[in-house]
């Protein structure tokens, strides 16, 4: 499983330092991690609204423009799962962190052992929430986190399960696997199931995913997929 971490800080040197520490933590724990950096709340929101794929957000509070607390409040209006870790040089905002369910406050200057401890706790929270799909490929049992599945398509007597890292070919029908998925997926045609987490744009006839892949949308399902997205969010 890949963990996606965003760092939002308008101080470039601080953001680079935080990225270095996160990379060190990931390396020591053998965790596959992608780290994206944003210099403002506005830049982060643009990426988050397009893909909504981040697991952990290291968020500086004192930023020009929209500050970290205001950004966290906006995030929580539609995303209750993103793990938010505040970074600040002041204690003034601690009480407000409870309002947005922040996991922790890290005081500047950040110490690596304290950050590692908080990231370990964040991973525990993520592990408790992650549901998996059990499949068999070449006689091997494999568990795929549902959140990693971008879309599923039928191919003759097989289905192709597409993640960012790999494509799994499984001998079963789309109907069979549909029963194993939760409300974070939507069957957009007889041949395709899409992970709502990765939906970027919806038109009357197609769905454009965050990775640029376009899937067909069956006639009459435009409102249904919009309703499914609202429930998912």
Protein backbone atom coordinates (compact mmCIF):
# COMPACT_ATOMS: atom_id res chain seq x y z
CA UNK A 1 0.00 0.00 0.00
CA UNK A 2 1.18 3.49 -0.82
CA UNK A 3 0.66 6.32 1.66
CA UNK A 4 0.16 9.79 0.22
CA UNK A 5 1.30 12.69 2.40
CA UNK A 6 0.84 16.40 1.70
CA UNK A 7 2.96 19.13 3.29
CA UNK A 8 1.39 22.58 3.25
CA UNK A 9 3.78 25.31 4.39
CA UNK A 10 4.62 28.69 2.86
CA UNK A 11 8.18 28.56 4.22
CA UNK A 12 10.14 26.63 1.58
CA UNK A 13 13.04 25.64 3.83
CA UNK A 14 10.67 24.36 6.53
CA UNK A 15 8.69 22.38 3.97
CA UNK A 16 11.88 20.80 2.56
CA UNK A 17 13.03 19.93 6.09
CA UNK A 18 9.67 18.31 6.87
CA UNK A 19 9.83 16.35 3.62
CA UNK A 20 13.31 15.09 4.53
CA UNK A 21 12.07 13.91 7.93
CA UNK A 22 9.01 12.17 6.44
CA UNK A 23 11.22 10.42 3.88
CA UNK A 24 13.55 9.28 6.65
CA UNK A 25 10.61 7.93 8.68
CA UNK A 26 9.22 6.09 5.66
CA UNK A 27 12.62 4.57 4.87
CA UNK A 28 13.18 3.36 8.41
CA UNK A 29 9.72 1.76 8.47
CA UNK A 30 9.81 0.35 4.92
CA UNK A 31 6.73 2.38 3.94
CA UNK A 32 6.05 3.33 0.33
CA UNK A 33 5.22 7.01 0.50
CA UNK A 34 4.49 9.81 -1.96
CA UNK A 35 5.08 13.33 -0.66
CA UNK A 36 3.65 16.45 -2.30
CA UNK A 37 4.44 19.97 -1.13
CA UNK A 38 2.19 23.03 -1.33
CA UNK A 39 3.13 26.62 -0.55
CA UNK A 40 -0.39 27.84 0.24
CA UNK A 41 -3.83 26.65 1.30
CA UNK A 42 -5.16 27.59 -2.11
CA UNK A 43 -2.64 25.39 -3.92
CA UNK A 44 -3.40 22.43 -1.68
CA UNK A 45 -7.17 22.83 -2.11
CA UNK A 46 -6.80 22.80 -5.88
CA UNK A 47 -5.03 19.42 -5.80
CA UNK A 48 -7.23 18.01 -3.03
CA UNK A 49 -10.48 18.87 -4.82
CA UNK A 50 -9.25 17.25 -8.03
CA UNK A 51 -8.14 13.92 -6.55
CA UNK A 52 -8.91 13.74 -2.81
CA UNK A 53 -6.26 11.03 -2.48
CA UNK A 54 -4.17 12.23 0.47
CA UNK A 55 -3.95 10.24 3.68
CA UNK A 56 -1.97 12.61 5.90
CA UNK A 57 -1.63 16.39 5.83
CA UNK A 58 1.21 18.18 7.63
CA UNK A 59 -0.31 21.64 7.89
CA UNK A 60 1.39 24.84 8.96
CA UNK A 61 -1.00 27.15 10.79
CA UNK A 62 0.64 30.54 10.23
CA UNK A 63 0.48 30.98 6.45
CA UNK A 64 -0.21 34.04 4.35
CA UNK A 65 -3.68 34.02 2.84
CA UNK A 66 -5.91 31.35 4.34
CA UNK A 67 -4.30 29.97 7.50
CA UNK A 68 -4.09 26.33 8.48
CA UNK A 69 -7.02 26.30 10.88
CA UNK A 70 -9.34 27.86 8.29
CA UNK A 71 -8.16 25.32 5.70
CA UNK A 72 -8.75 22.43 8.11
CA UNK A 73 -12.30 23.63 8.80
CA UNK A 74 -13.00 23.71 5.07
CA UNK A 75 -11.56 20.23 4.60
CA UNK A 76 -13.69 18.79 7.38
CA UNK A 77 -16.88 19.92 5.64
CA UNK A 78 -16.45 17.07 3.15
CA UNK A 79 -13.58 14.88 4.40
CA UNK A 80 -13.62 13.35 7.86
CA UNK A 81 -10.86 10.81 7.20
CA UNK A 82 -7.84 12.90 6.22
CA UNK A 83 -5.31 12.80 9.08
CA UNK A 84 -4.37 16.41 9.88
CA UNK A 85 -1.20 17.17 11.83
CA UNK A 86 -0.76 20.84 12.68
CA UNK A 87 2.66 22.48 12.71
CA UNK A 88 2.98 25.76 14.60
CA UNK A 89 5.29 27.98 16.57
CA UNK A 90 2.50 29.03 18.94
CA UNK A 91 0.12 27.35 21.36
CA UNK A 92 -2.74 29.80 20.70
CA UNK A 93 -4.57 27.48 18.28
CA UNK A 94 -4.51 24.25 20.26
CA UNK A 95 -8.13 24.47 21.41
CA UNK A 96 -9.27 25.01 17.82
CA UNK A 97 -7.55 21.82 16.76
CA UNK A 98 -10.20 19.81 18.57
CA UNK A 99 -12.88 21.39 16.38
CA UNK A 100 -11.31 19.92 13.25
CA UNK A 101 -10.21 16.61 14.82
CA UNK A 102 -6.51 17.25 14.33
CA UNK A 103 -4.41 14.26 15.30
CA UNK A 104 -1.65 16.29 16.93
CA UNK A 105 0.19 19.59 17.20
CA UNK A 106 3.90 19.68 16.44
CA UNK A 107 5.72 22.69 17.82
CA UNK A 108 8.52 24.31 15.85
CA UNK A 109 11.35 23.52 15.68
CA UNK A 110 10.20 19.99 14.86
CA UNK A 111 12.15 17.14 16.42
CA UNK A 112 12.43 14.01 14.31
CA UNK A 113 11.60 11.59 17.14
CA UNK A 114 8.38 13.49 17.95
CA UNK A 115 7.33 13.64 14.28
CA UNK A 116 8.06 9.91 13.88
CA UNK A 117 5.91 9.14 16.93
CA UNK A 118 2.99 11.14 15.51
CA UNK A 119 3.35 9.55 12.06
CA UNK A 120 3.34 6.10 13.67
CA UNK A 121 0.07 7.01 15.36
CA UNK A 122 -1.33 8.28 12.07
CA UNK A 123 -0.46 4.96 10.43
CA UNK A 124 -2.28 3.08 13.17
CA UNK A 125 -5.38 5.17 12.51
CA UNK A 126 -5.15 4.51 8.78
CA UNK A 127 -4.65 0.76 9.29
CA UNK A 128 -7.79 0.60 11.43
CA UNK A 129 -9.85 2.21 8.65
CA UNK A 130 -8.48 0.36 5.63
CA UNK A 131 -10.71 -2.33 4.17
CA UNK A 132 -9.23 -4.93 1.84
CA UNK A 133 -10.34 -7.14 -1.02
CA UNK A 134 -9.16 -10.76 -0.94
CA UNK A 135 -8.37 -12.26 -4.35
CA UNK A 136 -6.41 -15.20 -5.69
CA UNK A 137 -3.88 -14.64 -8.47
CA UNK A 138 -1.80 -17.54 -9.81
CA UNK A 139 -2.80 -19.59 -6.77
CA UNK A 140 -1.56 -16.88 -4.42
CA UNK A 141 -3.81 -15.12 -1.93
CA UNK A 142 -3.56 -11.34 -2.22
CA UNK A 143 -5.13 -8.57 -0.17
CA UNK A 144 -5.74 -5.30 -2.02
CA UNK A 145 -6.75 -2.21 -0.03
CA UNK A 146 -10.08 -1.07 -1.47
CA UNK A 147 -8.86 2.51 -1.41
CA UNK A 148 -6.09 1.59 -3.88
CA UNK A 149 -8.49 0.30 -6.56
CA UNK A 150 -8.96 2.93 -9.27
CA UNK A 151 -11.32 0.95 -11.50
CA UNK A 152 -12.30 -2.60 -12.41
CA UNK A 153 -13.18 -3.84 -15.87
CA UNK A 154 -14.44 -7.13 -17.29
CA UNK A 155 -12.42 -9.00 -19.93
CA UNK A 156 -14.00 -12.21 -21.24
CA UNK A 157 -14.11 -14.60 -18.25
CA UNK A 158 -11.79 -12.41 -16.18
CA UNK A 159 -11.82 -9.06 -14.47
CA UNK A 160 -8.94 -6.58 -14.43
CA UNK A 161 -8.43 -4.76 -11.13
CA UNK A 162 -6.47 -1.57 -11.73
CA UNK A 163 -4.44 0.18 -9.05
CA UNK A 164 -1.75 2.85 -9.42
CA UNK A 165 0.93 0.22 -8.90
CA UNK A 166 -0.37 -2.87 -10.69
CA UNK A 167 -3.14 -4.55 -12.67
CA UNK A 168 -4.51 -7.84 -11.30
CA UNK A 169 -6.21 -10.35 -13.58
CA UNK A 170 -8.73 -12.49 -11.70
CA UNK A 171 -10.99 -15.25 -12.97
CA UNK A 172 -14.39 -14.06 -11.76
CA UNK A 173 -17.26 -11.92 -12.99
CA UNK A 174 -17.94 -8.25 -12.39
CA UNK A 175 -21.15 -9.20 -10.58
CA UNK A 176 -19.22 -11.44 -8.17
CA UNK A 177 -16.72 -8.77 -7.22
CA UNK A 178 -19.39 -6.07 -7.00
CA UNK A 179 -20.80 -7.85 -3.95
CA UNK A 180 -17.40 -7.54 -2.22
CA UNK A 181 -17.12 -3.78 -2.67
CA UNK A 182 -18.61 -1.06 -0.50
CA UNK A 183 -20.26 2.27 -1.23
CA UNK A 184 -16.98 3.78 -2.40
CA UNK A 185 -17.50 2.15 -5.81
CA UNK A 186 -20.01 2.67 -8.61
CA UNK A 187 -20.88 0.40 -11.53
CA UNK A 188 -20.91 2.83 -14.43
CA UNK A 189 -21.61 0.27 -17.21
CA UNK A 190 -22.01 -3.49 -17.45
CA UNK A 191 -18.26 -3.74 -17.95
CA UNK A 192 -16.79 -1.13 -15.59
CA UNK A 193 -16.77 -0.32 -11.88
CA UNK A 194 -15.11 2.93 -10.81
CA UNK A 195 -13.58 3.87 -7.47
CA UNK A 196 -15.34 7.08 -6.44
CA UNK A 197 -12.18 8.24 -4.69
CA UNK A 198 -10.57 8.76 -8.09
CA UNK A 199 -13.42 10.44 -9.98
CA UNK A 200 -12.37 13.84 -11.30
CA UNK A 201 -14.98 14.94 -13.87
CA UNK A 202 -18.40 13.52 -14.77
CA UNK A 203 -20.27 14.22 -17.99
CA UNK A 204 -23.48 12.71 -19.31
CA UNK A 205 -21.53 10.05 -21.19
CA UNK A 206 -18.18 9.53 -19.46
CA UNK A 207 -16.14 9.69 -16.28
CA UNK A 208 -12.67 11.19 -16.23
CA UNK A 209 -10.44 9.89 -13.45
CA UNK A 210 -7.68 11.71 -11.58
CA UNK A 211 -5.06 9.70 -13.51
CA UNK A 212 -6.49 10.82 -16.87
CA UNK A 213 -8.25 7.55 -17.72
CA UNK A 214 -11.72 7.97 -19.23
CA UNK A 215 -14.49 5.44 -18.55
CA UNK A 216 -17.91 5.26 -20.20
CA UNK A 217 -21.05 6.14 -18.26
CA UNK A 218 -24.23 4.29 -19.16
CA UNK A 219 -27.25 6.31 -20.20
CA UNK A 220 -29.44 7.38 -17.31
CA UNK A 221 -26.76 7.03 -14.60
CA UNK A 222 -25.53 10.62 -14.48
CA UNK A 223 -27.67 11.58 -11.49
CA UNK A 224 -27.04 8.23 -9.78
CA UNK A 225 -23.26 8.62 -9.82
CA UNK A 226 -23.55 12.20 -8.57
CA UNK A 227 -25.72 10.96 -5.69
CA UNK A 228 -23.18 8.19 -4.98
CA UNK A 229 -20.37 10.75 -4.88
CA UNK A 230 -22.26 12.92 -2.43
CA UNK A 231 -22.86 9.94 -0.12
CA UNK A 232 -19.22 8.88 -0.42
CA UNK A 233 -17.92 12.33 0.46
